[in-house]
Protein backbone atom coordinates (compact mmCIF):
# COMPACT_ATOMS: atom_id res chain seq x y z
CA MET A 1 87.08 108.36 103.41
CA ARG A 2 83.69 107.19 102.14
CA ALA A 3 84.86 107.69 98.57
CA ILE A 4 87.81 105.36 99.24
CA VAL A 5 85.44 102.73 100.66
CA ARG A 6 83.26 102.89 97.56
CA LEU A 7 86.30 102.72 95.29
CA LEU A 8 87.64 99.64 97.08
CA ALA A 9 84.25 97.96 96.78
CA ILE A 10 84.21 98.65 93.04
CA VAL A 11 87.77 97.32 92.70
CA ALA A 12 86.76 94.13 94.54
CA LEU A 13 83.84 93.65 92.14
CA ALA A 14 86.17 94.24 89.18
CA VAL A 15 88.62 91.65 90.51
CA ILE A 16 85.83 89.08 90.74
CA ALA A 17 84.75 89.90 87.19
CA ILE A 18 88.29 89.54 85.85
CA VAL A 19 88.79 86.20 87.60
CA TRP A 20 85.38 85.06 86.35
CA VAL A 21 86.36 85.78 82.73
CA THR A 22 90.01 84.71 82.79
CA GLY A 23 90.44 82.28 85.71
CA SER A 24 90.05 78.52 85.70
CA ILE A 25 90.06 76.25 88.75
CA THR A 26 88.65 72.75 88.48
CA ARG A 27 88.37 69.81 90.84
CA GLY A 28 87.49 66.22 90.01
CA PRO A 29 85.05 63.86 91.78
CA GLU A 30 87.75 63.04 94.33
CA PHE A 31 86.99 66.49 95.77
CA HIS A 32 84.11 64.80 97.63
CA HIS A 33 86.41 62.32 99.40
CA TYR A 34 87.45 63.37 102.90
CA ALA A 35 89.60 61.68 105.50
CA ASP A 36 86.87 61.07 108.08
CA GLN A 37 84.95 58.03 106.85
CA ARG A 38 83.69 56.99 110.30
CA THR A 39 80.03 56.27 111.03
CA TRP A 40 78.46 56.79 114.45
CA LEU A 41 74.84 56.07 115.34
CA GLY A 42 74.08 55.77 111.65
CA VAL A 43 75.61 59.17 110.83
CA PRO A 44 78.21 58.84 108.03
CA HIS A 45 81.34 61.00 108.03
CA VAL A 46 80.37 61.81 111.57
CA GLY A 47 83.12 64.28 112.42
CA ASP A 48 82.57 66.38 109.32
CA VAL A 49 78.80 66.35 109.89
CA LEU A 50 78.60 67.07 113.62
CA SER A 51 81.34 69.71 113.61
CA ASN A 52 78.90 71.92 111.71
CA LEU A 53 76.88 72.28 114.88
CA ALA A 54 79.45 74.93 115.82
CA PHE A 55 77.95 77.27 113.21
CA LEU A 56 74.47 76.81 114.66
CA ILE A 57 75.76 77.45 118.18
CA VAL A 58 77.49 80.66 117.05
CA ALA A 59 74.37 81.83 115.20
CA VAL A 60 72.04 81.14 118.14
CA ARG A 61 74.41 82.88 120.54
CA ALA A 62 74.73 85.94 118.29
CA ALA A 63 70.97 86.14 117.68
CA SER A 64 70.52 87.81 121.07
CA TRP A 65 73.00 90.58 120.28
CA SER A 66 72.09 94.05 119.09
CA GLY A 67 74.06 94.55 115.91
CA VAL A 68 74.72 97.20 113.28
CA ARG A 69 72.48 97.19 110.22
CA GLY A 70 72.98 93.97 108.28
CA ALA A 71 74.10 91.91 111.27
CA THR A 72 70.87 89.90 111.35
CA GLY A 73 71.36 88.68 107.79
CA VAL A 74 74.92 87.63 108.54
CA CYS A 75 73.73 85.78 111.66
CA ILE A 76 71.09 83.88 109.68
CA GLY A 77 73.70 83.12 107.03
CA VAL A 78 76.06 81.60 109.59
CA GLY A 79 73.29 79.26 110.72
CA ALA A 80 72.58 78.35 107.09
CA ILE A 81 76.26 77.49 106.59
CA GLY A 82 76.00 74.87 109.33
CA ILE A 83 72.85 73.36 107.83
CA GLY A 84 74.17 73.35 104.26
CA SER A 85 77.56 71.92 105.15
CA GLY A 86 76.07 69.30 107.45
CA ALA A 87 73.70 68.11 104.72
CA TYR A 88 76.51 67.96 102.18
CA HIS A 89 78.80 65.87 104.37
CA ILE A 90 76.10 63.30 105.02
CA ALA A 91 75.96 62.46 101.33
CA PRO A 92 78.56 64.44 99.31
CA SER A 93 77.48 65.37 95.78
CA ASP A 94 77.84 68.31 93.42
CA THR A 95 74.32 69.57 94.09
CA LEU A 96 74.72 69.44 97.86
CA LEU A 97 78.16 71.03 97.61
CA ALA A 98 76.55 73.95 95.77
CA LEU A 99 74.03 74.17 98.63
CA ASP A 100 77.01 74.13 101.01
CA TRP A 101 78.91 76.85 99.17
CA ALA A 102 75.94 79.14 98.53
CA PRO A 103 75.37 80.12 102.20
CA ILE A 104 79.12 80.70 102.63
CA ALA A 105 79.32 83.00 99.60
CA VAL A 106 76.09 84.83 100.44
CA THR A 107 77.03 85.29 104.11
CA LEU A 108 80.40 86.78 103.15
CA SER A 109 78.63 89.07 100.68
CA LEU A 110 76.21 90.20 103.39
CA LEU A 111 79.13 90.88 105.70
CA SER A 112 80.78 92.98 103.00
CA ALA A 113 77.53 94.87 102.39
CA ALA A 114 77.14 95.58 106.11
CA VAL A 115 80.66 97.01 106.34
CA ILE A 116 80.19 99.00 103.13
CA ARG A 117 77.02 100.51 104.62
CA ASP A 118 78.82 101.26 107.88
CA ARG A 119 81.91 102.79 106.26
CA GLY A 120 80.66 103.98 102.88
CA GLY A 121 77.17 105.27 103.54
CA GLU A 122 73.56 104.14 103.24
CA ARG A 123 73.30 104.33 99.47
CA ALA A 124 76.49 102.37 98.89
CA GLY A 125 75.30 99.77 101.40
CA ARG A 126 71.95 99.34 99.64
CA ILE A 127 73.66 98.85 96.28
CA ALA A 128 76.07 96.31 97.75
CA LEU A 129 73.19 94.48 99.40
CA VAL A 130 71.68 93.88 95.95
CA ILE A 131 74.80 93.22 93.90
CA ALA A 132 77.00 91.22 96.29
CA PRO A 133 74.57 88.33 97.08
CA ALA A 134 73.61 88.09 93.40
CA VAL A 135 77.27 87.75 92.41
CA ALA A 136 77.78 85.17 95.19
CA ILE A 137 74.89 82.99 94.04
CA GLY A 138 75.94 83.42 90.43
CA ALA A 139 79.48 82.22 91.17
CA VAL A 140 78.25 79.03 92.83
CA SER A 141 75.67 78.44 90.09
CA TRP A 142 78.36 78.94 87.45
CA TRP A 143 80.49 76.16 88.95
CA LEU A 144 77.54 73.77 88.99
CA ALA A 145 76.28 74.76 85.53
CA THR A 146 79.70 74.37 83.92
CA GLY A 147 80.08 70.81 85.19
CA GLY A 148 80.68 70.76 88.92
CA THR A 149 83.37 68.22 89.69
CA HIS A 150 83.36 67.25 86.03
CA GLY A 151 85.12 70.32 84.68
CA GLY A 152 83.16 73.07 86.40
CA ASN A 153 85.01 76.33 86.93
CA MET A 154 85.16 77.25 90.61
CA ALA A 155 87.43 80.28 90.09
CA PRO A 156 84.53 82.77 90.46
CA TYR A 157 83.51 81.17 93.76
CA VAL A 158 87.10 81.28 95.02
CA ALA A 159 87.29 84.96 94.07
CA VAL A 160 84.00 85.72 95.85
CA GLN A 161 85.17 83.91 98.97
CA ALA A 162 88.59 85.59 98.98
CA THR A 163 87.20 89.09 98.52
CA GLY A 164 84.52 88.38 101.12
CA VAL A 165 87.25 87.61 103.66
CA VAL A 166 89.69 90.41 102.74
CA LEU A 167 87.37 93.30 101.86
CA PRO A 168 85.51 93.85 105.18
CA PRO A 169 88.60 94.37 107.39
CA LEU A 170 90.25 96.43 104.65
CA LEU A 171 87.26 98.77 104.48
CA ALA A 172 87.10 98.94 108.26
CA LEU A 173 90.75 99.99 108.37
CA VAL A 174 90.44 102.90 105.94
CA ALA A 175 87.37 104.63 107.38
CA PRO A 176 85.74 105.11 110.80
CA GLY A 177 82.49 103.44 111.80
CA GLU A 178 80.73 101.17 114.25
CA VAL A 179 82.05 97.84 112.97
CA ARG A 180 85.11 96.85 115.00
CA VAL A 181 88.11 96.11 112.86
CA ARG A 182 90.01 94.02 115.44
CA TRP A 183 87.28 91.38 115.41
CA LEU A 184 87.24 91.32 111.62
CA LEU A 185 91.00 90.77 111.62
CA ALA A 186 90.58 87.99 114.19
CA GLY A 187 88.07 86.42 111.80
CA VAL A 188 90.64 86.51 108.98
CA VAL A 189 93.13 84.68 111.21
CA GLY A 190 90.48 82.06 111.99
CA PHE A 191 89.73 81.64 108.29
CA LEU A 192 93.40 81.15 107.42
CA LEU A 193 93.80 78.55 110.18
CA ALA A 194 90.68 76.80 108.90
CA ARG A 195 92.10 76.62 105.38
CA TYR A 196 95.38 75.22 106.72
CA ALA A 197 93.54 72.55 108.69
CA ALA A 198 91.49 71.56 105.64
CA ALA A 199 94.64 71.27 103.52
CA ASN A 200 95.99 68.73 106.02
CA ASP A 201 92.79 66.74 106.41
CA ARG A 202 94.24 63.24 106.89
CA ALA A 203 97.41 64.29 108.69
CA VAL A 204 95.38 66.06 111.36
CA LEU A 205 93.05 63.05 111.70
CA GLU A 206 96.00 60.72 112.26
CA ALA A 207 97.58 63.14 114.72
CA ILE A 208 94.65 64.06 116.98
CA GLY A 209 91.72 61.83 115.96
CA CYS A 210 89.77 64.78 114.54
CA SER A 211 90.11 65.31 110.80
CA GLY A 212 91.50 68.49 109.39
CA HIS A 213 88.20 69.16 107.65
CA SER A 214 86.25 68.79 110.88
CA LEU A 215 88.72 71.13 112.57
CA LYS A 216 88.24 73.51 109.66
CA HIS A 217 84.53 73.71 110.51
CA LEU A 218 85.29 74.54 114.12
CA LEU A 219 87.83 77.21 113.20
CA ALA A 220 85.57 78.67 110.52
CA ALA A 221 82.71 78.85 113.04
CA ALA A 222 85.03 80.70 115.41
CA ALA A 223 85.92 83.08 112.56
CA ALA A 224 82.22 83.63 111.91
CA GLY A 225 81.74 84.38 115.61
CA CYS A 226 84.48 87.01 115.38
CA ALA A 227 82.77 88.60 112.38
CA LEU A 228 79.46 88.70 114.22
CA ARG A 229 81.17 90.18 117.25
CA ALA A 230 82.56 92.88 114.97
CA LEU A 231 79.00 93.75 113.95
CA ARG A 232 77.74 93.84 117.53
CA ARG A 233 76.83 97.28 118.85
């Protein structure tokens, strides 16, 4: 079973590499424009900013838990997601978006490394802990270095994010260990709902008074909470 876990991890890395070399996804400056343009108490884009508090609440709550090896890094990463995303939505720009994406990519890579360690063994986990965050940071840096919203290729970041969501529950399904697969699967559901909400940013705002992007933050924080619960002993 451990051999299968290691093989799947290698396949995931190969997929990222292939997408990095052959894929191309670009977004223009309009990528920074979100439906919630409201200001409250001097805070611009208030819904998209304050909804990131959910990540901090989840991280603080999970900090008291005893988790499997690697859980602490994931917990810190979830808190960093809230800080990075909140800062970006105050004043959207390419640089701040990279600082928003970096904690997301790194946290997912740390989650993958924790599950690889749990299901694939100590040595495999140590290797993943070195390679996965480096690839995550490299993918975000690549988008910024190649132009950001002026032609930058975000395909590597998308590949890192997708594999970071899919790989942990897949590994947990194929081999036994401490990490609880049902919570990882619940996190995947939360992530998918978050993406759907973000894709309907303005429609959700007009329907319920909370923008789809703000709702995405809340759902993504819930998904992060599920992932942390999966890592809880």
